[in-house]
Amino acid sequence: MRKIMIFVASFVVLSLSANAKHIVVDLSKQRACAYEGGRPAFCGNISSGKPGHRTPTGRFRVLEKDVDHVSSKYPEPNGGAKMHYMLRLTSGGIAMHLGHVPNYPASHGCIRMQNGFAQRMYRWASVGTPVRVVGRPPYRVSRSSTRTYKRGTRRVYHATATDILSEFMGHQVRKSTRRRVRRHRAIHRKKNHRSRSYHRSRKQRRSRTHRRRHHRTHVQTILAAR
């Protein structure tokens, strides 16, 4: 009897957790999805924290909702940045809100949501909704192959070679590119220096030859006059 009760209780817990709402933020794809009943209800593009202000990963809950929130921290030192449709995740200031969403991490730690997606997420989520932030932010993400999730359809995401390299190699790709650019500039600088020095020496040789010829002509003229 005890085993049956434990089994029923675990089944109820699992069914409740499966039907519960939760949000998953994937930093590697710069996407966020709202799940309901174990299935994605809708998804949208986001922009997470830039280098130096990375968005923390882990499990959070929506602590507060505010339609017309104004930041008290950014821009420093007095704040004043508008963060409409704000869903606060931590007491330290990390939140999900409406903002500019480029194809790379650009915020100061918050999770920016694009227009339309932010309003829908604000209406859908409630205080206490679990939020899970996973993944590693890339240098840049491709938006051309992502489609909005709708119930009963399948999302297609095709990662490009640049996305894969930037995700798994990180700053090494940018570092090698900068090294290659510096090497290219150094070679051209060396060639230009050689070219300038060659033309300079050639001009000097011409001027010396001209002076010698002029002097020789002048001497011959004086001797002929005598």
C-alpha atoms as a PDB file:
ATOM      1  CA  MET A   1       0.000   0.000   0.000  1.00  0.00           C
ATOM      2  CA  ARG A   2       2.826   2.353   0.870  1.00  0.00           C
ATOM      3  CA  LYS A   3       4.513   1.728  -2.490  1.00  0.00           C
ATOM      4  CA  ILE A   4       1.258   2.473  -4.299  1.00  0.00           C
ATOM      5  CA  MET A   5       0.880   5.764  -2.437  1.00  0.00           C
ATOM      6  CA  ILE A   6       4.477   6.749  -3.258  1.00  0.00           C
ATOM      7  CA  PHE A   7       3.899   5.871  -6.915  1.00  0.00           C
ATOM      8  CA  VAL A   8       0.681   7.928  -7.069  1.00  0.00           C
ATOM      9  CA  ALA A   9       2.342  10.888  -5.342  1.00  0.00           C
ATOM     10  CA  SER A  10       5.326  10.830  -7.728  1.00  0.00           C
ATOM     11  CA  PHE A  11       2.962  10.585 -10.721  1.00  0.00           C
ATOM     12  CA  VAL A  12       1.003  13.621  -9.502  1.00  0.00           C
ATOM     13  CA  VAL A  13       4.200  15.613  -8.970  1.00  0.00           C
ATOM     14  CA  LEU A  14       5.489  14.732 -12.411  1.00  0.00           C
ATOM     15  CA  SER A  15       2.184  15.597 -14.060  1.00  0.00           C
ATOM     16  CA  LEU A  16       2.047  18.946 -12.254  1.00  0.00           C
ATOM     17  CA  SER A  17       5.658  19.751 -13.186  1.00  0.00           C
ATOM     18  CA  ALA A  18       4.972  18.787 -16.810  1.00  0.00           C
ATOM     19  CA  ASN A  19       1.945  21.092 -16.996  1.00  0.00           C
ATOM     20  CA  ALA A  20       3.677  23.966 -15.201  1.00  0.00           C
ATOM     21  CA  LYS A  21       4.945  27.018 -17.020  1.00  0.00           C
ATOM     22  CA  HIS A  22       8.655  27.687 -17.290  1.00  0.00           C
ATOM     23  CA  ILE A  23      11.056  29.731 -19.422  1.00  0.00           C
ATOM     24  CA  VAL A  24      14.282  28.472 -20.993  1.00  0.00           C
ATOM     25  CA  VAL A  25      16.888  30.976 -22.177  1.00  0.00           C
ATOM     26  CA  ASP A  26      19.548  29.524 -24.485  1.00  0.00           C
ATOM     27  CA  LEU A  27      22.519  31.890 -24.572  1.00  0.00           C
ATOM     28  CA  SER A  28      24.349  29.889 -27.256  1.00  0.00           C
ATOM     29  CA  LYS A  29      21.510  30.500 -29.750  1.00  0.00           C
ATOM     30  CA  GLN A  30      20.422  33.850 -28.253  1.00  0.00           C
ATOM     31  CA  ARG A  31      16.846  32.544 -28.024  1.00  0.00           C
ATOM     32  CA  ALA A  32      14.274  32.247 -25.255  1.00  0.00           C
ATOM     33  CA  CYS A  33      11.277  29.918 -25.206  1.00  0.00           C
ATOM     34  CA  ALA A  34       8.179  29.762 -23.031  1.00  0.00           C
ATOM     35  CA  TYR A  35       7.178  26.190 -22.179  1.00  0.00           C
ATOM     36  CA  GLU A  36       3.736  25.096 -21.104  1.00  0.00           C
ATOM     37  CA  GLY A  37       2.635  21.508 -20.606  1.00  0.00           C
ATOM     38  CA  GLY A  38       6.099  20.261 -21.518  1.00  0.00           C
ATOM     39  CA  ARG A  39       5.881  21.831 -24.990  1.00  0.00           C
ATOM     40  CA  PRO A  40       7.169  25.172 -26.290  1.00  0.00           C
ATOM     41  CA  ALA A  41       4.384  27.735 -26.525  1.00  0.00           C
ATOM     42  CA  PHE A  42       6.392  30.444 -28.310  1.00  0.00           C
ATOM     43  CA  CYS A  43       9.986  31.594 -28.780  1.00  0.00           C
ATOM     44  CA  GLY A  44      11.815  34.798 -29.608  1.00  0.00           C
ATOM     45  CA  ASN A  45      15.235  36.347 -30.131  1.00  0.00           C
ATOM     46  CA  ILE A  46      17.148  37.803 -27.210  1.00  0.00           C
ATOM     47  CA  SER A  47      20.427  39.600 -26.591  1.00  0.00           C
ATOM     48  CA  SER A  48      22.343  38.641 -23.449  1.00  0.00           C
ATOM     49  CA  GLY A  49      25.262  40.264 -21.627  1.00  0.00           C
ATOM     50  CA  LYS A  50      28.311  41.397 -23.558  1.00  0.00           C
ATOM     51  CA  PRO A  51      31.912  40.503 -22.525  1.00  0.00           C
ATOM     52  CA  GLY A  52      32.583  41.915 -19.092  1.00  0.00           C
ATOM     53  CA  HIS A  53      28.861  41.892 -18.227  1.00  0.00           C
ATOM     54  CA  ARG A  54      27.924  38.267 -18.968  1.00  0.00           C
ATOM     55  CA  THR A  55      24.438  37.031 -18.091  1.00  0.00           C
ATOM     56  CA  PRO A  56      24.654  34.482 -15.256  1.00  0.00           C
ATOM     57  CA  THR A  57      23.482  30.953 -15.943  1.00  0.00           C
ATOM     58  CA  GLY A  58      21.414  28.798 -13.604  1.00  0.00           C
ATOM     59  CA  ARG A  59      17.883  28.457 -12.289  1.00  0.00           C
ATOM     60  CA  PHE A  60      15.879  31.542 -11.333  1.00  0.00           C
ATOM     61  CA  ARG A  61      12.292  32.641 -10.749  1.00  0.00           C
ATOM     62  CA  VAL A  62      10.404  35.733 -11.776  1.00  0.00           C
ATOM     63  CA  LEU A  63      10.580  37.922  -8.660  1.00  0.00           C
ATOM     64  CA  GLU A  64       8.802  41.022  -9.944  1.00  0.00           C
ATOM     65  CA  LYS A  65       6.899  42.361 -12.959  1.00  0.00           C
ATOM     66  CA  ASP A  66       6.882  46.001 -14.037  1.00  0.00           C
ATOM     67  CA  VAL A  67       5.524  47.395 -17.306  1.00  0.00           C
ATOM     68  CA  ASP A  68       7.318  50.770 -17.170  1.00  0.00           C
ATOM     69  CA  HIS A  69      10.427  49.980 -15.147  1.00  0.00           C
ATOM     70  CA  VAL A  70      13.299  52.495 -15.076  1.00  0.00           C
ATOM     71  CA  SER A  71      16.809  51.310 -14.198  1.00  0.00           C
ATOM     72  CA  SER A  72      18.422  52.800 -11.119  1.00  0.00           C
ATOM     73  CA  LYS A  73      21.903  51.630 -12.190  1.00  0.00           C
ATOM     74  CA  TYR A  74      22.340  52.162 -15.943  1.00  0.00           C
ATOM     75  CA  PRO A  75      23.471  54.382 -17.473  1.00  0.00           C
ATOM     76  CA  GLU A  76      25.948  54.910 -14.661  1.00  0.00           C
ATOM     77  CA  PRO A  77      26.002  56.486 -12.170  1.00  0.00           C
ATOM     78  CA  ASN A  78      22.401  57.669 -11.734  1.00  0.00           C
ATOM     79  CA  GLY A  79      20.502  55.297 -14.025  1.00  0.00           C
ATOM     80  CA  GLY A  80      17.453  56.253 -16.040  1.00  0.00           C
ATOM     81  CA  ALA A  81      17.399  53.578 -18.768  1.00  0.00           C
ATOM     82  CA  LYS A  82      13.881  52.462 -19.688  1.00  0.00           C
ATOM     83  CA  MET A  83      13.220  48.728 -19.296  1.00  0.00           C
ATOM     84  CA  HIS A  84       9.630  48.171 -20.374  1.00  0.00           C
ATOM     85  CA  TYR A  85       7.914  44.815 -19.730  1.00  0.00           C
ATOM     86  CA  MET A  86      10.486  43.905 -17.082  1.00  0.00           C
ATOM     87  CA  LEU A  87      10.634  40.454 -15.466  1.00  0.00           C
ATOM     88  CA  ARG A  88      13.135  40.582 -12.603  1.00  0.00           C
ATOM     89  CA  LEU A  89      15.201  37.423 -12.069  1.00  0.00           C
ATOM     90  CA  THR A  90      17.704  38.411  -9.351  1.00  0.00           C
ATOM     91  CA  SER A  91      17.910  41.017  -6.646  1.00  0.00           C
ATOM     92  CA  GLY A  92      21.184  42.200  -8.200  1.00  0.00           C
ATOM     93  CA  GLY A  93      19.455  43.733 -11.213  1.00  0.00           C
ATOM     94  CA  ILE A  94      19.371  40.898 -13.783  1.00  0.00           C
ATOM     95  CA  ALA A  95      16.036  40.926 -15.610  1.00  0.00           C
ATOM     96  CA  MET A  96      14.282  40.183 -18.884  1.00  0.00           C
ATOM     97  CA  HIS A  97      12.912  43.287 -20.596  1.00  0.00           C
ATOM     98  CA  LEU A  98      12.185  44.949 -23.938  1.00  0.00           C
ATOM     99  CA  GLY A  99      15.271  46.304 -25.699  1.00  0.00           C
ATOM    100  CA  HIS A 100      17.440  46.473 -28.782  1.00  0.00           C
ATOM    101  CA  VAL A 101      18.242  42.932 -29.978  1.00  0.00           C
ATOM    102  CA  PRO A 102      21.189  42.743 -32.404  1.00  0.00           C
ATOM    103  CA  ASN A 103      22.673  39.420 -33.554  1.00  0.00           C
ATOM    104  CA  TYR A 104      25.309  39.445 -30.795  1.00  0.00           C
ATOM    105  CA  PRO A 105      25.362  39.820 -26.967  1.00  0.00           C
ATOM    106  CA  ALA A 106      25.107  43.561 -26.258  1.00  0.00           C
ATOM    107  CA  SER A 107      23.497  44.167 -22.836  1.00  0.00           C
ATOM    108  CA  HIS A 108      24.986  44.894 -19.408  1.00  0.00           C
ATOM    109  CA  GLY A 109      23.834  41.506 -18.073  1.00  0.00           C
ATOM    110  CA  CYS A 110      20.087  41.639 -18.624  1.00  0.00           C
ATOM    111  CA  ILE A 111      18.230  39.581 -21.210  1.00  0.00           C
ATOM    112  CA  ARG A 112      16.826  41.894 -23.869  1.00  0.00           C
ATOM    113  CA  MET A 113      13.737  40.701 -25.731  1.00  0.00           C
ATOM    114  CA  GLN A 114      12.620  41.917 -29.131  1.00  0.00           C
ATOM    115  CA  ASN A 115       9.482  43.959 -29.679  1.00  0.00           C
ATOM    116  CA  GLY A 116       6.343  41.794 -29.714  1.00  0.00           C
ATOM    117  CA  PHE A 117       8.070  38.904 -27.972  1.00  0.00           C
ATOM    118  CA  ALA A 118       8.633  40.964 -24.807  1.00  0.00           C
ATOM    119  CA  GLN A 119       4.956  41.943 -24.561  1.00  0.00           C
ATOM    120  CA  ARG A 120       3.815  38.367 -25.082  1.00  0.00           C
ATOM    121  CA  MET A 121       6.265  37.014 -22.508  1.00  0.00           C
ATOM    122  CA  TYR A 122       5.168  39.640 -19.987  1.00  0.00           C
ATOM    123  CA  ARG A 123       1.496  38.687 -20.396  1.00  0.00           C
ATOM    124  CA  TRP A 124       2.242  34.960 -20.299  1.00  0.00           C
ATOM    125  CA  ALA A 125       4.630  34.796 -17.317  1.00  0.00           C
ATOM    126  CA  SER A 126       3.660  35.439 -13.718  1.00  0.00           C
ATOM    127  CA  VAL A 127       5.548  36.057 -10.491  1.00  0.00           C
ATOM    128  CA  GLY A 128       7.165  32.773  -9.465  1.00  0.00           C
ATOM    129  CA  THR A 129       7.539  31.338 -12.982  1.00  0.00           C
ATOM    130  CA  PRO A 130      10.780  29.280 -13.152  1.00  0.00           C
ATOM    131  CA  VAL A 131      13.455  30.538 -15.543  1.00  0.00           C
ATOM    132  CA  ARG A 132      16.434  28.423 -16.627  1.00  0.00           C
ATOM    133  CA  VAL A 133      19.402  30.136 -18.309  1.00  0.00           C
ATOM    134  CA  VAL A 134      21.781  27.765 -20.109  1.00  0.00           C
ATOM    135  CA  GLY A 135      24.517  27.805 -22.730  1.00  0.00           C
ATOM    136  CA  ARG A 136      27.553  29.868 -23.558  1.00  0.00           C
ATOM    137  CA  PRO A 137      27.103  33.142 -25.467  1.00  0.00           C
ATOM    138  CA  PRO A 138      28.705  33.209 -28.929  1.00  0.00           C
ATOM    139  CA  TYR A 139      30.527  36.081 -30.603  1.00  0.00           C
ATOM    140  CA  ARG A 140      27.741  36.440 -33.173  1.00  0.00           C
ATOM    141  CA  VAL A 141      24.642  34.443 -34.094  1.00  0.00           C
ATOM    142  CA  SER A 142      22.854  33.980 -37.414  1.00  0.00           C
ATOM    143  CA  ARG A 143      19.222  35.097 -37.433  1.00  0.00           C
ATOM    144  CA  SER A 144      18.415  34.115 -41.025  1.00  0.00           C
ATOM    145  CA  SER A 145      17.626  30.443 -40.327  1.00  0.00           C
ATOM    146  CA  THR A 146      15.521  30.792 -37.155  1.00  0.00           C
ATOM    147  CA  ARG A 147      11.739  30.654 -37.198  1.00  0.00           C
ATOM    148  CA  THR A 148       9.263  31.582 -34.506  1.00  0.00           C
ATOM    149  CA  TYR A 149       7.904  28.588 -32.592  1.00  0.00           C
ATOM    150  CA  LYS A 150       4.173  28.003 -32.881  1.00  0.00           C
ATOM    151  CA  ARG A 151       2.219  25.262 -31.206  1.00  0.00           C
ATOM    152  CA  GLY A 152       2.129  22.135 -33.331  1.00  0.00           C
ATOM    153  CA  THR A 153       5.022  23.193 -35.587  1.00  0.00           C
ATOM    154  CA  ARG A 154       8.713  22.479 -35.564  1.00  0.00           C
ATOM    155  CA  ARG A 155      11.455  25.064 -35.235  1.00  0.00           C
ATOM    156  CA  VAL A 156      14.338  24.834 -37.675  1.00  0.00           C
ATOM    157  CA  TYR A 157      17.763  26.172 -36.757  1.00  0.00           C
ATOM    158  CA  HIS A 158      20.747  25.760 -39.066  1.00  0.00           C
ATOM    159  CA  ALA A 159      24.027  26.746 -37.494  1.00  0.00           C
ATOM    160  CA  THR A 160      26.563  28.184 -39.912  1.00  0.00           C
ATOM    161  CA  ALA A 161      30.257  27.368 -39.870  1.00  0.00           C
ATOM    162  CA  THR A 162      31.009  30.766 -38.350  1.00  0.00           C
ATOM    163  CA  ASP A 163      28.573  30.127 -35.495  1.00  0.00           C
ATOM    164  CA  ILE A 164      30.155  26.753 -34.736  1.00  0.00           C
ATOM    165  CA  LEU A 165      33.685  28.145 -34.804  1.00  0.00           C
ATOM    166  CA  SER A 166      32.791  31.141 -32.659  1.00  0.00           C
ATOM    167  CA  GLU A 167      30.967  28.946 -30.157  1.00  0.00           C
ATOM    168  CA  PHE A 168      33.610  26.251 -29.713  1.00  0.00           C
ATOM    169  CA  MET A 169      36.787  28.232 -30.353  1.00  0.00           C
ATOM    170  CA  GLY A 170      35.687  31.463 -28.730  1.00  0.00           C
ATOM    171  CA  HIS A 171      38.140  34.293 -28.860  1.00  0.00           C
ATOM    172  CA  GLN A 172      40.752  32.142 -30.669  1.00  0.00           C
ATOM    173  CA  VAL A 173      39.026  32.865 -33.991  1.00  0.00           C
ATOM    174  CA  ARG A 174      39.097  36.599 -33.392  1.00  0.00           C
ATOM    175  CA  LYS A 175      42.651  36.376 -32.074  1.00  0.00           C
ATOM    176  CA  SER A 176      43.933  34.567 -35.179  1.00  0.00           C
ATOM    177  CA  THR A 177      42.094  37.059 -37.392  1.00  0.00           C
ATOM    178  CA  ARG A 178      43.707  39.990 -35.614  1.00  0.00           C
ATOM    179  CA  ARG A 179      47.103  38.291 -35.874  1.00  0.00           C
ATOM    180  CA  ARG A 180      46.609  37.773 -39.597  1.00  0.00           C
ATOM    181  CA  VAL A 181      45.598  41.402 -40.086  1.00  0.00           C
ATOM    182  CA  ARG A 182      48.627  42.641 -38.144  1.00  0.00           C
ATOM    183  CA  ARG A 183      50.932  40.417 -40.203  1.00  0.00           C
ATOM    184  CA  HIS A 184      49.363  41.679 -43.422  1.00  0.00           C
ATOM    185  CA  ARG A 185      49.790  45.300 -42.353  1.00  0.00           C
ATOM    186  CA  ALA A 186      53.397  44.708 -41.297  1.00  0.00           C
ATOM    187  CA  ILE A 187      54.264  43.192 -44.677  1.00  0.00           C
ATOM    188  CA  HIS A 188      52.706  46.104 -46.545  1.00  0.00           C
ATOM    189  CA  ARG A 189      54.393  48.590 -44.242  1.00  0.00           C
ATOM    190  CA  LYS A 190      57.737  46.938 -44.937  1.00  0.00           C
ATOM    191  CA  LYS A 191      57.133  46.970 -48.688  1.00  0.00           C
ATOM    192  CA  ASN A 192      56.134  50.624 -48.622  1.00  0.00           C
ATOM    193  CA  HIS A 193      59.222  51.470 -46.581  1.00  0.00           C
ATOM    194  CA  ARG A 194      61.450  49.692 -49.094  1.00  0.00           C
ATOM    195  CA  SER A 195      59.708  51.447 -51.947  1.00  0.00           C
ATOM    196  CA  ARG A 196      60.117  54.863 -50.335  1.00  0.00           C
ATOM    197  CA  SER A 197      63.772  54.265 -49.492  1.00  0.00           C
ATOM    198  CA  TYR A 198      64.455  52.998 -53.026  1.00  0.00           C
ATOM    199  CA  HIS A 199      62.841  56.010 -54.658  1.00  0.00           C
ATOM    200  CA  ARG A 200      64.597  58.328 -52.234  1.00  0.00           C
ATOM    201  CA  SER A 201      68.029  56.847 -52.997  1.00  0.00           C
ATOM    202  CA  ARG A 202      67.264  56.911 -56.721  1.00  0.00           C
ATOM    203  CA  LYS A 203      66.332  60.586 -56.495  1.00  0.00           C
ATOM    204  CA  GLN A 204      69.496  61.318 -54.569  1.00  0.00           C
ATOM    205  CA  ARG A 205      71.584  59.499 -57.187  1.00  0.00           C
ATOM    206  CA  ARG A 206      69.929  61.517 -59.925  1.00  0.00           C
ATOM    207  CA  SER A 207      70.606  64.801 -58.117  1.00  0.00           C
ATOM    208  CA  ARG A 208      74.278  63.884 -57.580  1.00  0.00           C
ATOM    209  CA  THR A 209      74.680  62.948 -61.239  1.00  0.00           C
ATOM    210  CA  HIS A 210      73.017  66.194 -62.283  1.00  0.00           C
ATOM    211  CA  ARG A 211      75.347  68.228 -60.069  1.00  0.00           C
ATOM    212  CA  ARG A 212      78.416  66.469 -61.445  1.00  0.00           C
ATOM    213  CA  ARG A 213      77.329  67.028 -65.027  1.00  0.00           C
ATOM    214  CA  HIS A 214      76.562  70.668 -64.318  1.00  0.00           C
ATOM    215  CA  HIS A 215      79.975  71.145 -62.674  1.00  0.00           C
ATOM    216  CA  ARG A 216      81.763  69.430 -65.569  1.00  0.00           C
ATOM    217  CA  THR A 217      79.922  71.589 -68.096  1.00  0.00           C
ATOM    218  CA  HIS A 218      80.745  74.717 -66.095  1.00  0.00           C
ATOM    219  CA  VAL A 219      84.460  73.834 -65.966  1.00  0.00           C
ATOM    220  CA  GLN A 220      84.568  73.117 -69.707  1.00  0.00           C
ATOM    221  CA  THR A 221      82.945  76.480 -70.421  1.00  0.00           C
ATOM    222  CA  ILE A 222      85.561  78.330 -68.310  1.00  0.00           C
ATOM    223  CA  LEU A 223      88.460  76.511 -70.003  1.00  0.00           C
ATOM    224  CA  ALA A 224      87.043  77.231 -73.463  1.00  0.00           C
ATOM    225  CA  ALA A 225      86.744  80.938 -72.585  1.00  0.00           C
ATOM    226  CA  ARG A 226      90.449  81.112 -71.745  1.00  0.00           C
END
